[in-house]
């Protein structure tokens, strides 16, 4: 199964999860992404345009596959109305994943989401997700991983959920001791167009708030309270972050190429959308090297098929 593993790429963005698996020989047989600009970049880089809204295709029409991959959005689920909360998954994007798993019965899956999914609605949302996956017959593993611990200078914590139809052992990749220096991801200021540099007023404001002797090079991060942190790495790229949320050395914005580098995309990855859109796309994307390391461990599990260390079903305990 590890050779020519068939995958489907749902809520695909620009294909970061697919890219991590294709590096290990996987073959994508279906992709879906509703955002037009992400579709444009996906098509330019993979030679195919993803299917649009996943709600507009029946699970039975999706090609057979071995692994389902999905960086599904986390909506603000409500417990209003009938007080069902997330117990009834209809109307949520997780329901599409659940329906496809039930219909197509792939051998396994990898799901990615924001860390706060584990604490949403006091943990009930995540508990229901695990219960639904277990009920479909999958042995499930999950862990929050930080891109900063896997060679990339970006502090980006995400929850990764891996499942198999058999009770086989899986372990998430061990952290790497050091991340690559930020300088390897940044362009020289002399090569960056003037439009990326902030105004004198913004620069002076940052200089007044930052602590003495900031690291160089560094990414200056402004939090909601207006405090400035200068770090030798980037805080998480955010689709909805302000244009001045992250500044290189307090004087300029990250370019589109620099943002893709901070997500681990190759240098030849084509950018064919506006700066506004690439900011949004990069903020919504995954860190490719993290995905690749997760995929390597998945391949090891498929190859060895060692029994699960603890045969008991995973339970999520509310604290």
C-alpha atoms as a PDB file:
ATOM      1  CA  UNK A   1       0.000   0.000   0.000  1.00  0.00           C
ATOM      2  CA  UNK A   2       2.918   2.354   0.622  1.00  0.00           C
ATOM      3  CA  UNK A   3       3.725   2.366  -3.112  1.00  0.00           C
ATOM      4  CA  UNK A   4       1.467   4.642  -5.171  1.00  0.00           C
ATOM      5  CA  UNK A   5      -0.727   5.437  -2.170  1.00  0.00           C
ATOM      6  CA  UNK A   6      -3.940   6.970  -3.519  1.00  0.00           C
ATOM      7  CA  UNK A   7      -4.943  10.151  -1.720  1.00  0.00           C
ATOM      8  CA  UNK A   8      -7.716  12.715  -1.921  1.00  0.00           C
ATOM      9  CA  UNK A   9      -7.024  16.330  -0.987  1.00  0.00           C
ATOM     10  CA  UNK A  10     -10.032  18.003   0.661  1.00  0.00           C
ATOM     11  CA  UNK A  11     -10.237  21.666   1.733  1.00  0.00           C
ATOM     12  CA  UNK A  12      -6.990  21.638  -0.197  1.00  0.00           C
ATOM     13  CA  UNK A  13      -5.953  25.292  -0.159  1.00  0.00           C
ATOM     14  CA  UNK A  14      -2.885  25.384  -2.401  1.00  0.00           C
ATOM     15  CA  UNK A  15      -2.019  21.736  -1.838  1.00  0.00           C
ATOM     16  CA  UNK A  16       0.391  21.799   1.095  1.00  0.00           C
ATOM     17  CA  UNK A  17      -0.817  18.473   2.510  1.00  0.00           C
ATOM     18  CA  UNK A  18      -0.778  16.900  -0.939  1.00  0.00           C
ATOM     19  CA  UNK A  19       2.763  18.168  -1.510  1.00  0.00           C
ATOM     20  CA  UNK A  20       4.003  16.521   1.681  1.00  0.00           C
ATOM     21  CA  UNK A  21       2.548  13.158   0.660  1.00  0.00           C
ATOM     22  CA  UNK A  22       3.576  13.366  -3.002  1.00  0.00           C
ATOM     23  CA  UNK A  23       7.204  13.754  -1.915  1.00  0.00           C
ATOM     24  CA  UNK A  24       6.860  10.162  -0.657  1.00  0.00           C
ATOM     25  CA  UNK A  25       5.296   8.843  -3.852  1.00  0.00           C
ATOM     26  CA  UNK A  26       1.580   9.227  -3.139  1.00  0.00           C
ATOM     27  CA  UNK A  27      -0.783   9.864  -6.050  1.00  0.00           C
ATOM     28  CA  UNK A  28      -3.661  12.329  -5.758  1.00  0.00           C
ATOM     29  CA  UNK A  29      -6.890  11.106  -7.407  1.00  0.00           C
ATOM     30  CA  UNK A  30      -9.241  13.936  -6.327  1.00  0.00           C
ATOM     31  CA  UNK A  31      -8.995  17.426  -4.867  1.00  0.00           C
ATOM     32  CA  UNK A  32     -11.526  19.940  -3.610  1.00  0.00           C
ATOM     33  CA  UNK A  33     -11.195  23.635  -2.696  1.00  0.00           C
ATOM     34  CA  UNK A  34     -13.877  26.328  -2.912  1.00  0.00           C
ATOM     35  CA  UNK A  35     -11.714  29.492  -2.875  1.00  0.00           C
ATOM     36  CA  UNK A  36     -11.125  30.718  -6.426  1.00  0.00           C
ATOM     37  CA  UNK A  37      -7.704  32.248  -5.757  1.00  0.00           C
ATOM     38  CA  UNK A  38      -6.444  29.111  -4.027  1.00  0.00           C
ATOM     39  CA  UNK A  39      -7.805  27.120  -6.981  1.00  0.00           C
ATOM     40  CA  UNK A  40      -5.805  29.348  -9.338  1.00  0.00           C
ATOM     41  CA  UNK A  41      -2.550  28.647  -7.494  1.00  0.00           C
ATOM     42  CA  UNK A  42      -3.342  24.956  -7.104  1.00  0.00           C
ATOM     43  CA  UNK A  43      -3.985  24.611 -10.831  1.00  0.00           C
ATOM     44  CA  UNK A  44      -0.796  26.482 -11.726  1.00  0.00           C
ATOM     45  CA  UNK A  45       1.309  24.153  -9.567  1.00  0.00           C
ATOM     46  CA  UNK A  46      -0.383  20.777  -9.943  1.00  0.00           C
ATOM     47  CA  UNK A  47      -1.866  21.035 -13.428  1.00  0.00           C
ATOM     48  CA  UNK A  48      -5.437  20.413 -12.303  1.00  0.00           C
ATOM     49  CA  UNK A  49      -8.179  22.613 -10.938  1.00  0.00           C
ATOM     50  CA  UNK A  50      -9.750  21.342  -7.722  1.00  0.00           C
ATOM     51  CA  UNK A  51     -13.444  20.584  -7.561  1.00  0.00           C
ATOM     52  CA  UNK A  52     -15.315  23.468  -5.917  1.00  0.00           C
ATOM     53  CA  UNK A  53     -17.659  23.277  -2.932  1.00  0.00           C
ATOM     54  CA  UNK A  54     -17.459  19.795  -1.398  1.00  0.00           C
ATOM     55  CA  UNK A  55     -21.153  20.054  -0.567  1.00  0.00           C
ATOM     56  CA  UNK A  56     -21.915  19.871  -4.291  1.00  0.00           C
ATOM     57  CA  UNK A  57     -20.605  16.357  -4.843  1.00  0.00           C
ATOM     58  CA  UNK A  58     -21.975  13.108  -3.487  1.00  0.00           C
ATOM     59  CA  UNK A  59     -19.504  10.965  -1.500  1.00  0.00           C
ATOM     60  CA  UNK A  60     -20.281   8.096  -3.873  1.00  0.00           C
ATOM     61  CA  UNK A  61     -18.929  10.147  -6.808  1.00  0.00           C
ATOM     62  CA  UNK A  62     -15.518  10.631  -5.206  1.00  0.00           C
ATOM     63  CA  UNK A  63     -12.876   8.216  -6.533  1.00  0.00           C
ATOM     64  CA  UNK A  64     -11.740   5.283  -4.430  1.00  0.00           C
ATOM     65  CA  UNK A  65      -8.673   6.155  -2.387  1.00  0.00           C
ATOM     66  CA  UNK A  66      -6.409   4.813   0.345  1.00  0.00           C
ATOM     67  CA  UNK A  67      -6.012   7.949   2.450  1.00  0.00           C
ATOM     68  CA  UNK A  68      -8.217  10.957   2.965  1.00  0.00           C
ATOM     69  CA  UNK A  69      -6.350  14.217   3.623  1.00  0.00           C
ATOM     70  CA  UNK A  70      -8.150  17.305   4.887  1.00  0.00           C
ATOM     71  CA  UNK A  71      -7.214  20.600   6.500  1.00  0.00           C
ATOM     72  CA  UNK A  72     -10.845  21.255   7.275  1.00  0.00           C
ATOM     73  CA  UNK A  73     -11.962  24.660   8.611  1.00  0.00           C
ATOM     74  CA  UNK A  74     -13.137  24.896  12.215  1.00  0.00           C
ATOM     75  CA  UNK A  75     -16.404  26.771  12.313  1.00  0.00           C
ATOM     76  CA  UNK A  76     -17.644  28.443  15.512  1.00  0.00           C
ATOM     77  CA  UNK A  77     -20.048  25.622  16.389  1.00  0.00           C
ATOM     78  CA  UNK A  78     -22.926  26.650  18.615  1.00  0.00           C
ATOM     79  CA  UNK A  79     -24.806  24.752  21.324  1.00  0.00           C
ATOM     80  CA  UNK A  80     -27.856  26.954  20.873  1.00  0.00           C
ATOM     81  CA  UNK A  81     -31.244  25.762  19.687  1.00  0.00           C
ATOM     82  CA  UNK A  82     -31.751  22.108  20.517  1.00  0.00           C
ATOM     83  CA  UNK A  83     -28.569  22.025  22.599  1.00  0.00           C
ATOM     84  CA  UNK A  84     -27.125  19.410  20.259  1.00  0.00           C
ATOM     85  CA  UNK A  85     -23.901  21.338  19.909  1.00  0.00           C
ATOM     86  CA  UNK A  86     -21.522  19.357  17.722  1.00  0.00           C
ATOM     87  CA  UNK A  87     -23.233  16.068  18.568  1.00  0.00           C
ATOM     88  CA  UNK A  88     -25.174  16.541  15.340  1.00  0.00           C
ATOM     89  CA  UNK A  89     -22.468  17.128  12.725  1.00  0.00           C
ATOM     90  CA  UNK A  90     -24.883  17.950   9.899  1.00  0.00           C
ATOM     91  CA  UNK A  91     -24.309  21.431   8.544  1.00  0.00           C
ATOM     92  CA  UNK A  92     -20.612  21.399   9.469  1.00  0.00           C
ATOM     93  CA  UNK A  93     -17.661  20.694   7.210  1.00  0.00           C
ATOM     94  CA  UNK A  94     -16.579  17.771   9.378  1.00  0.00           C
ATOM     95  CA  UNK A  95     -19.823  16.095   8.290  1.00  0.00           C
ATOM     96  CA  UNK A  96     -18.467  15.960   4.717  1.00  0.00           C
ATOM     97  CA  UNK A  97     -15.384  14.114   5.936  1.00  0.00           C
ATOM     98  CA  UNK A  98     -17.486  11.767   8.047  1.00  0.00           C
ATOM     99  CA  UNK A  99     -19.786  11.018   5.090  1.00  0.00           C
ATOM    100  CA  UNK A 100     -16.903  10.281   2.726  1.00  0.00           C
ATOM    101  CA  UNK A 101     -15.201   8.007   5.254  1.00  0.00           C
ATOM    102  CA  UNK A 102     -18.455   6.113   5.733  1.00  0.00           C
ATOM    103  CA  UNK A 103     -19.100   5.772   1.995  1.00  0.00           C
ATOM    104  CA  UNK A 104     -15.617   5.128   0.585  1.00  0.00           C
ATOM    105  CA  UNK A 105     -14.007   3.405   3.601  1.00  0.00           C
ATOM    106  CA  UNK A 106     -10.402   4.440   2.894  1.00  0.00           C
ATOM    107  CA  UNK A 107      -7.681   2.729   4.889  1.00  0.00           C
ATOM    108  CA  UNK A 108      -6.821   5.902   6.756  1.00  0.00           C
ATOM    109  CA  UNK A 109      -6.846   9.671   7.015  1.00  0.00           C
ATOM    110  CA  UNK A 110      -4.927  12.738   8.128  1.00  0.00           C
ATOM    111  CA  UNK A 111      -6.888  15.736   9.388  1.00  0.00           C
ATOM    112  CA  UNK A 112      -5.395  19.116  10.341  1.00  0.00           C
ATOM    113  CA  UNK A 113      -6.949  21.966  12.269  1.00  0.00           C
ATOM    114  CA  UNK A 114      -6.215  24.847  14.601  1.00  0.00           C
ATOM    115  CA  UNK A 115      -5.125  24.023  18.125  1.00  0.00           C
ATOM    116  CA  UNK A 116      -8.226  25.594  19.683  1.00  0.00           C
ATOM    117  CA  UNK A 117     -10.320  22.795  18.178  1.00  0.00           C
ATOM    118  CA  UNK A 118      -9.266  20.722  21.197  1.00  0.00           C
ATOM    119  CA  UNK A 119     -10.749  23.240  23.654  1.00  0.00           C
ATOM    120  CA  UNK A 120     -13.766  24.499  21.706  1.00  0.00           C
ATOM    121  CA  UNK A 121     -16.986  24.236  23.717  1.00  0.00           C
ATOM    122  CA  UNK A 122     -14.951  23.009  26.714  1.00  0.00           C
ATOM    123  CA  UNK A 123     -13.580  20.101  24.706  1.00  0.00           C
ATOM    124  CA  UNK A 124     -16.962  18.717  23.646  1.00  0.00           C
ATOM    125  CA  UNK A 125     -16.438  19.450  19.951  1.00  0.00           C
ATOM    126  CA  UNK A 126     -13.203  17.495  19.803  1.00  0.00           C
ATOM    127  CA  UNK A 127     -14.647  14.676  21.892  1.00  0.00           C
ATOM    128  CA  UNK A 128     -17.494  14.254  19.402  1.00  0.00           C
ATOM    129  CA  UNK A 129     -15.065  14.278  16.466  1.00  0.00           C
ATOM    130  CA  UNK A 130     -13.082  11.441  18.053  1.00  0.00           C
ATOM    131  CA  UNK A 131     -16.259   9.522  18.870  1.00  0.00           C
ATOM    132  CA  UNK A 132     -17.481   9.833  15.279  1.00  0.00           C
ATOM    133  CA  UNK A 133     -14.155   8.607  13.882  1.00  0.00           C
ATOM    134  CA  UNK A 134     -14.022   5.709  16.344  1.00  0.00           C
ATOM    135  CA  UNK A 135     -17.612   4.772  15.471  1.00  0.00           C
ATOM    136  CA  UNK A 136     -16.567   4.457  11.824  1.00  0.00           C
ATOM    137  CA  UNK A 137     -14.050   1.808  12.885  1.00  0.00           C
ATOM    138  CA  UNK A 138     -10.861   3.858  12.870  1.00  0.00           C
ATOM    139  CA  UNK A 139      -8.018   3.668  15.369  1.00  0.00           C
ATOM    140  CA  UNK A 140      -7.250   7.332  16.015  1.00  0.00           C
ATOM    141  CA  UNK A 141      -4.153   9.238  17.104  1.00  0.00           C
ATOM    142  CA  UNK A 142      -3.847  12.974  17.635  1.00  0.00           C
ATOM    143  CA  UNK A 143      -1.240  15.487  18.720  1.00  0.00           C
ATOM    144  CA  UNK A 144      -0.566  19.222  18.653  1.00  0.00           C
ATOM    145  CA  UNK A 145       2.668  19.924  16.766  1.00  0.00           C
ATOM    146  CA  UNK A 146       4.532  23.221  16.450  1.00  0.00           C
ATOM    147  CA  UNK A 147       6.227  23.988  13.123  1.00  0.00           C
ATOM    148  CA  UNK A 148       9.016  25.661  15.087  1.00  0.00           C
ATOM    149  CA  UNK A 149      10.027  22.215  16.374  1.00  0.00           C
ATOM    150  CA  UNK A 150      10.329  20.771  12.866  1.00  0.00           C
ATOM    151  CA  UNK A 151      12.972  22.913  11.216  1.00  0.00           C
ATOM    152  CA  UNK A 152      10.838  25.900  10.184  1.00  0.00           C
ATOM    153  CA  UNK A 153      11.225  29.298  11.931  1.00  0.00           C
ATOM    154  CA  UNK A 154       7.514  29.820  12.435  1.00  0.00           C
ATOM    155  CA  UNK A 155       5.679  29.282  15.720  1.00  0.00           C
ATOM    156  CA  UNK A 156       2.598  27.532  14.388  1.00  0.00           C
ATOM    157  CA  UNK A 157       0.707  25.071  16.577  1.00  0.00           C
ATOM    158  CA  UNK A 158      -1.821  22.805  14.877  1.00  0.00           C
ATOM    159  CA  UNK A 159      -3.710  19.654  15.839  1.00  0.00           C
ATOM    160  CA  UNK A 160      -3.080  16.625  13.600  1.00  0.00           C
ATOM    161  CA  UNK A 161      -5.402  13.625  13.660  1.00  0.00           C
ATOM    162  CA  UNK A 162      -4.324  10.333  12.072  1.00  0.00           C
ATOM    163  CA  UNK A 163      -6.539   7.271  11.711  1.00  0.00           C
ATOM    164  CA  UNK A 164      -6.292   3.699  10.396  1.00  0.00           C
ATOM    165  CA  UNK A 165      -8.959   1.075   9.719  1.00  0.00           C
ATOM    166  CA  UNK A 166      -6.796  -1.482  11.537  1.00  0.00           C
ATOM    167  CA  UNK A 167      -5.548  -1.201  15.138  1.00  0.00           C
ATOM    168  CA  UNK A 168      -1.958  -0.553  14.082  1.00  0.00           C
ATOM    169  CA  UNK A 169       0.683   1.436  15.909  1.00  0.00           C
ATOM    170  CA  UNK A 170       1.453   5.035  14.942  1.00  0.00           C
ATOM    171  CA  UNK A 171       3.755   7.625  16.450  1.00  0.00           C
ATOM    172  CA  UNK A 172       4.040  11.271  15.526  1.00  0.00           C
ATOM    173  CA  UNK A 173       7.475  12.493  14.395  1.00  0.00           C
ATOM    174  CA  UNK A 174       9.930  13.531  17.073  1.00  0.00           C
ATOM    175  CA  UNK A 175      10.892  17.226  17.179  1.00  0.00           C
ATOM    176  CA  UNK A 176      14.058  18.392  15.455  1.00  0.00           C
ATOM    177  CA  UNK A 177      16.586  19.948  17.816  1.00  0.00           C
ATOM    178  CA  UNK A 178      16.887  23.266  15.963  1.00  0.00           C
ATOM    179  CA  UNK A 179      14.969  25.239  13.380  1.00  0.00           C
ATOM    180  CA  UNK A 180      16.731  26.709  10.357  1.00  0.00           C
ATOM    181  CA  UNK A 181      17.930  30.309  10.787  1.00  0.00           C
ATOM    182  CA  UNK A 182      15.462  32.967   9.729  1.00  0.00           C
ATOM    183  CA  UNK A 183      17.989  34.556   7.396  1.00  0.00           C
ATOM    184  CA  UNK A 184      17.613  31.565   5.037  1.00  0.00           C
ATOM    185  CA  UNK A 185      13.944  32.478   4.521  1.00  0.00           C
ATOM    186  CA  UNK A 186      14.241  36.231   4.015  1.00  0.00           C
ATOM    187  CA  UNK A 187      15.189  38.290   0.982  1.00  0.00           C
ATOM    188  CA  UNK A 188      17.751  41.061   1.227  1.00  0.00           C
ATOM    189  CA  UNK A 189      16.014  44.359   1.903  1.00  0.00           C
ATOM    190  CA  UNK A 190      17.721  45.814  -1.164  1.00  0.00           C
ATOM    191  CA  UNK A 191      15.876  43.254  -3.325  1.00  0.00           C
ATOM    192  CA  UNK A 192      12.444  43.994  -1.836  1.00  0.00           C
ATOM    193  CA  UNK A 193      10.225  46.575  -3.596  1.00  0.00           C
ATOM    194  CA  UNK A 194       9.475  49.817  -1.752  1.00  0.00           C
ATOM    195  CA  UNK A 195       5.773  48.966  -1.406  1.00  0.00           C
ATOM    196  CA  UNK A 196       6.581  46.418   1.316  1.00  0.00           C
ATOM    197  CA  UNK A 197       8.220  48.972   3.607  1.00  0.00           C
ATOM    198  CA  UNK A 198       6.067  50.645   6.261  1.00  0.00           C
ATOM    199  CA  UNK A 199       5.702  54.363   6.759  1.00  0.00           C
ATOM    200  CA  UNK A 200       8.046  56.390   8.962  1.00  0.00           C
ATOM    201  CA  UNK A 201       5.273  56.816  11.547  1.00  0.00           C
ATOM    202  CA  UNK A 202       4.632  53.066  11.847  1.00  0.00           C
ATOM    203  CA  UNK A 203       8.350  52.306  12.043  1.00  0.00           C
ATOM    204  CA  UNK A 204       8.889  54.873  14.794  1.00  0.00           C
ATOM    205  CA  UNK A 205       5.916  53.514  16.725  1.00  0.00           C
ATOM    206  CA  UNK A 206       7.403  50.011  16.590  1.00  0.00           C
ATOM    207  CA  UNK A 207      10.817  51.260  17.636  1.00  0.00           C
ATOM    208  CA  UNK A 208       9.334  52.966  20.697  1.00  0.00           C
ATOM    209  CA  UNK A 209       7.606  49.774  21.892  1.00  0.00           C
ATOM    210  CA  UNK A 210      10.211  47.093  21.192  1.00  0.00           C
ATOM    211  CA  UNK A 211      12.644  45.985  23.893  1.00  0.00           C
ATOM    212  CA  UNK A 212      16.305  47.028  23.517  1.00  0.00           C
ATOM    213  CA  UNK A 213      18.668  44.930  21.397  1.00  0.00           C
ATOM    214  CA  UNK A 214      16.096  43.004  19.306  1.00  0.00           C
ATOM    215  CA  UNK A 215      17.421  39.959  17.419  1.00  0.00           C
ATOM    216  CA  UNK A 216      18.610  40.540  13.876  1.00  0.00           C
ATOM    217  CA  UNK A 217      17.234  39.372  11.609  1.00  0.00           C
ATOM    218  CA  UNK A 218      13.921  39.103  13.363  1.00  0.00           C
ATOM    219  CA  UNK A 219      10.180  39.202  12.868  1.00  0.00           C
ATOM    220  CA  UNK A 220       8.446  41.836  14.956  1.00  0.00           C
ATOM    221  CA  UNK A 221       5.022  40.707  16.114  1.00  0.00           C
ATOM    222  CA  UNK A 222       2.263  43.042  17.315  1.00  0.00           C
ATOM    223  CA  UNK A 223      -0.363  41.357  19.509  1.00  0.00           C
ATOM    224  CA  UNK A 224      -3.964  42.417  20.062  1.00  0.00           C
ATOM    225  CA  UNK A 225      -2.926  44.619  22.977  1.00  0.00           C
ATOM    226  CA  UNK A 226      -0.448  46.508  20.808  1.00  0.00           C
ATOM    227  CA  UNK A 227       2.637  45.027  22.474  1.00  0.00           C
ATOM    228  CA  UNK A 228       5.629  44.354  20.244  1.00  0.00           C
ATOM    229  CA  UNK A 229       7.750  41.190  20.411  1.00  0.00           C
ATOM    230  CA  UNK A 230      10.891  40.924  18.298  1.00  0.00           C
ATOM    231  CA  UNK A 231      11.776  37.270  17.759  1.00  0.00           C
ATOM    232  CA  UNK A 232      14.365  35.277  15.767  1.00  0.00           C
ATOM    233  CA  UNK A 233      11.440  33.450  14.140  1.00  0.00           C
ATOM    234  CA  UNK A 234       7.965  34.296  12.899  1.00  0.00           C
ATOM    235  CA  UNK A 235       4.778  33.998  14.870  1.00  0.00           C
ATOM    236  CA  UNK A 236       2.036  32.106  13.048  1.00  0.00           C
ATOM    237  CA  UNK A 237       1.045  33.470   9.672  1.00  0.00           C
ATOM    238  CA  UNK A 238      -2.622  34.449   9.844  1.00  0.00           C
ATOM    239  CA  UNK A 239      -5.106  34.800   7.004  1.00  0.00           C
ATOM    240  CA  UNK A 240      -6.879  37.597   8.835  1.00  0.00           C
ATOM    241  CA  UNK A 241      -3.833  39.321  10.305  1.00  0.00           C
ATOM    242  CA  UNK A 242      -3.328  43.029   9.645  1.00  0.00           C
ATOM    243  CA  UNK A 243      -0.781  44.108   7.056  1.00  0.00           C
ATOM    244  CA  UNK A 244       1.513  45.212   9.887  1.00  0.00           C
ATOM    245  CA  UNK A 245       0.920  42.189  12.143  1.00  0.00           C
ATOM    246  CA  UNK A 246       4.361  40.793  11.282  1.00  0.00           C
ATOM    247  CA  UNK A 247       7.231  43.062  10.200  1.00  0.00           C
ATOM    248  CA  UNK A 248      10.736  42.045   9.179  1.00  0.00           C
ATOM    249  CA  UNK A 249      13.089  43.885  11.542  1.00  0.00           C
ATOM    250  CA  UNK A 250      10.265  46.291  12.278  1.00  0.00           C
ATOM    251  CA  UNK A 251      10.525  48.015   8.906  1.00  0.00           C
ATOM    252  CA  UNK A 252       8.775  45.971   6.216  1.00  0.00           C
ATOM    253  CA  UNK A 253       6.152  43.359   5.523  1.00  0.00           C
ATOM    254  CA  UNK A 254       6.884  39.817   4.471  1.00  0.00           C
ATOM    255  CA  UNK A 255       6.710  39.227   0.722  1.00  0.00           C
ATOM    256  CA  UNK A 256       4.499  36.498  -0.707  1.00  0.00           C
ATOM    257  CA  UNK A 257       7.544  34.342  -1.444  1.00  0.00           C
ATOM    258  CA  UNK A 258       8.867  34.748   2.099  1.00  0.00           C
ATOM    259  CA  UNK A 259       5.506  33.662   3.522  1.00  0.00           C
ATOM    260  CA  UNK A 260       5.490  30.537   1.373  1.00  0.00           C
ATOM    261  CA  UNK A 261       9.055  29.776   2.471  1.00  0.00           C
ATOM    262  CA  UNK A 262       7.902  30.024   6.086  1.00  0.00           C
ATOM    263  CA  UNK A 263       5.347  27.337   5.241  1.00  0.00           C
ATOM    264  CA  UNK A 264       8.015  25.154   3.665  1.00  0.00           C
ATOM    265  CA  UNK A 265       6.889  25.453   0.039  1.00  0.00           C
ATOM    266  CA  UNK A 266       9.589  24.984  -2.615  1.00  0.00           C
ATOM    267  CA  UNK A 267      11.201  28.013  -4.216  1.00  0.00           C
ATOM    268  CA  UNK A 268       9.690  27.208  -7.620  1.00  0.00           C
ATOM    269  CA  UNK A 269       6.120  27.087  -6.295  1.00  0.00           C
ATOM    270  CA  UNK A 270       4.193  29.404  -8.597  1.00  0.00           C
ATOM    271  CA  UNK A 271       2.507  32.520  -7.190  1.00  0.00           C
ATOM    272  CA  UNK A 272      -0.125  33.798  -9.623  1.00  0.00           C
ATOM    273  CA  UNK A 273      -2.452  35.771  -7.336  1.00  0.00           C
ATOM    274  CA  UNK A 274      -2.345  39.209  -5.740  1.00  0.00           C
ATOM    275  CA  UNK A 275      -0.410  40.000  -2.571  1.00  0.00           C
ATOM    276  CA  UNK A 276      -3.679  40.320  -0.655  1.00  0.00           C
ATOM    277  CA  UNK A 277      -4.695  36.827  -1.697  1.00  0.00           C
ATOM    278  CA  UNK A 278      -1.306  35.187  -1.116  1.00  0.00           C
ATOM    279  CA  UNK A 279      -1.328  36.590   2.435  1.00  0.00           C
ATOM    280  CA  UNK A 280      -4.692  34.927   3.026  1.00  0.00           C
ATOM    281  CA  UNK A 281      -3.655  31.700   1.316  1.00  0.00           C
ATOM    282  CA  UNK A 282      -0.345  31.394   3.179  1.00  0.00           C
ATOM    283  CA  UNK A 283      -2.086  32.087   6.484  1.00  0.00           C
ATOM    284  CA  UNK A 284      -4.564  29.280   5.827  1.00  0.00           C
ATOM    285  CA  UNK A 285      -1.976  26.803   4.579  1.00  0.00           C
ATOM    286  CA  UNK A 286      -0.063  24.034   6.315  1.00  0.00           C
ATOM    287  CA  UNK A 287       3.667  23.736   6.956  1.00  0.00           C
ATOM    288  CA  UNK A 288       4.784  21.271   4.293  1.00  0.00           C
ATOM    289  CA  UNK A 289       7.825  19.759   6.115  1.00  0.00           C
ATOM    290  CA  UNK A 290       5.621  18.923   9.120  1.00  0.00           C
ATOM    291  CA  UNK A 291       3.180  17.138   6.817  1.00  0.00           C
ATOM    292  CA  UNK A 292       6.021  15.263   5.127  1.00  0.00           C
ATOM    293  CA  UNK A 293       7.346  14.012   8.476  1.00  0.00           C
ATOM    294  CA  UNK A 294       3.865  12.925   9.542  1.00  0.00           C
ATOM    295  CA  UNK A 295       3.466  11.159   6.195  1.00  0.00           C
ATOM    296  CA  UNK A 296       6.778   9.328   6.660  1.00  0.00           C
ATOM    297  CA  UNK A 297       5.556   7.931   9.972  1.00  0.00           C
ATOM    298  CA  UNK A 298       2.261   6.952   8.321  1.00  0.00           C
ATOM    299  CA  UNK A 299       4.209   5.067   5.644  1.00  0.00           C
ATOM    300  CA  UNK A 300       6.243   3.326   8.353  1.00  0.00           C
ATOM    301  CA  UNK A 301       3.042   2.274  10.106  1.00  0.00           C
ATOM    302  CA  UNK A 302       1.560   0.938   6.864  1.00  0.00           C
ATOM    303  CA  UNK A 303       4.731  -0.972   6.092  1.00  0.00           C
ATOM    304  CA  UNK A 304       5.264  -2.537   9.502  1.00  0.00           C
ATOM    305  CA  UNK A 305       1.674  -2.804  10.754  1.00  0.00           C
ATOM    306  CA  UNK A 306       2.691  -3.313  14.347  1.00  0.00           C
ATOM    307  CA  UNK A 307      -0.257  -3.707  16.729  1.00  0.00           C
ATOM    308  CA  UNK A 308      -1.393  -0.650  18.620  1.00  0.00           C
ATOM    309  CA  UNK A 309       0.454  -0.374  21.918  1.00  0.00           C
ATOM    310  CA  UNK A 310      -2.756   0.306  23.813  1.00  0.00           C
ATOM    311  CA  UNK A 311      -5.677  -1.562  22.287  1.00  0.00           C
ATOM    312  CA  UNK A 312      -8.167   0.509  24.279  1.00  0.00           C
ATOM    313  CA  UNK A 313     -10.049   3.101  22.280  1.00  0.00           C
ATOM    314  CA  UNK A 314      -8.727   6.644  22.640  1.00  0.00           C
ATOM    315  CA  UNK A 315     -10.733   8.766  25.020  1.00  0.00           C
ATOM    316  CA  UNK A 316     -10.647  12.509  25.373  1.00  0.00           C
ATOM    317  CA  UNK A 317     -10.901  13.513  29.010  1.00  0.00           C
ATOM    318  CA  UNK A 318     -12.362  16.896  29.784  1.00  0.00           C
ATOM    319  CA  UNK A 319     -10.367  18.833  32.323  1.00  0.00           C
END
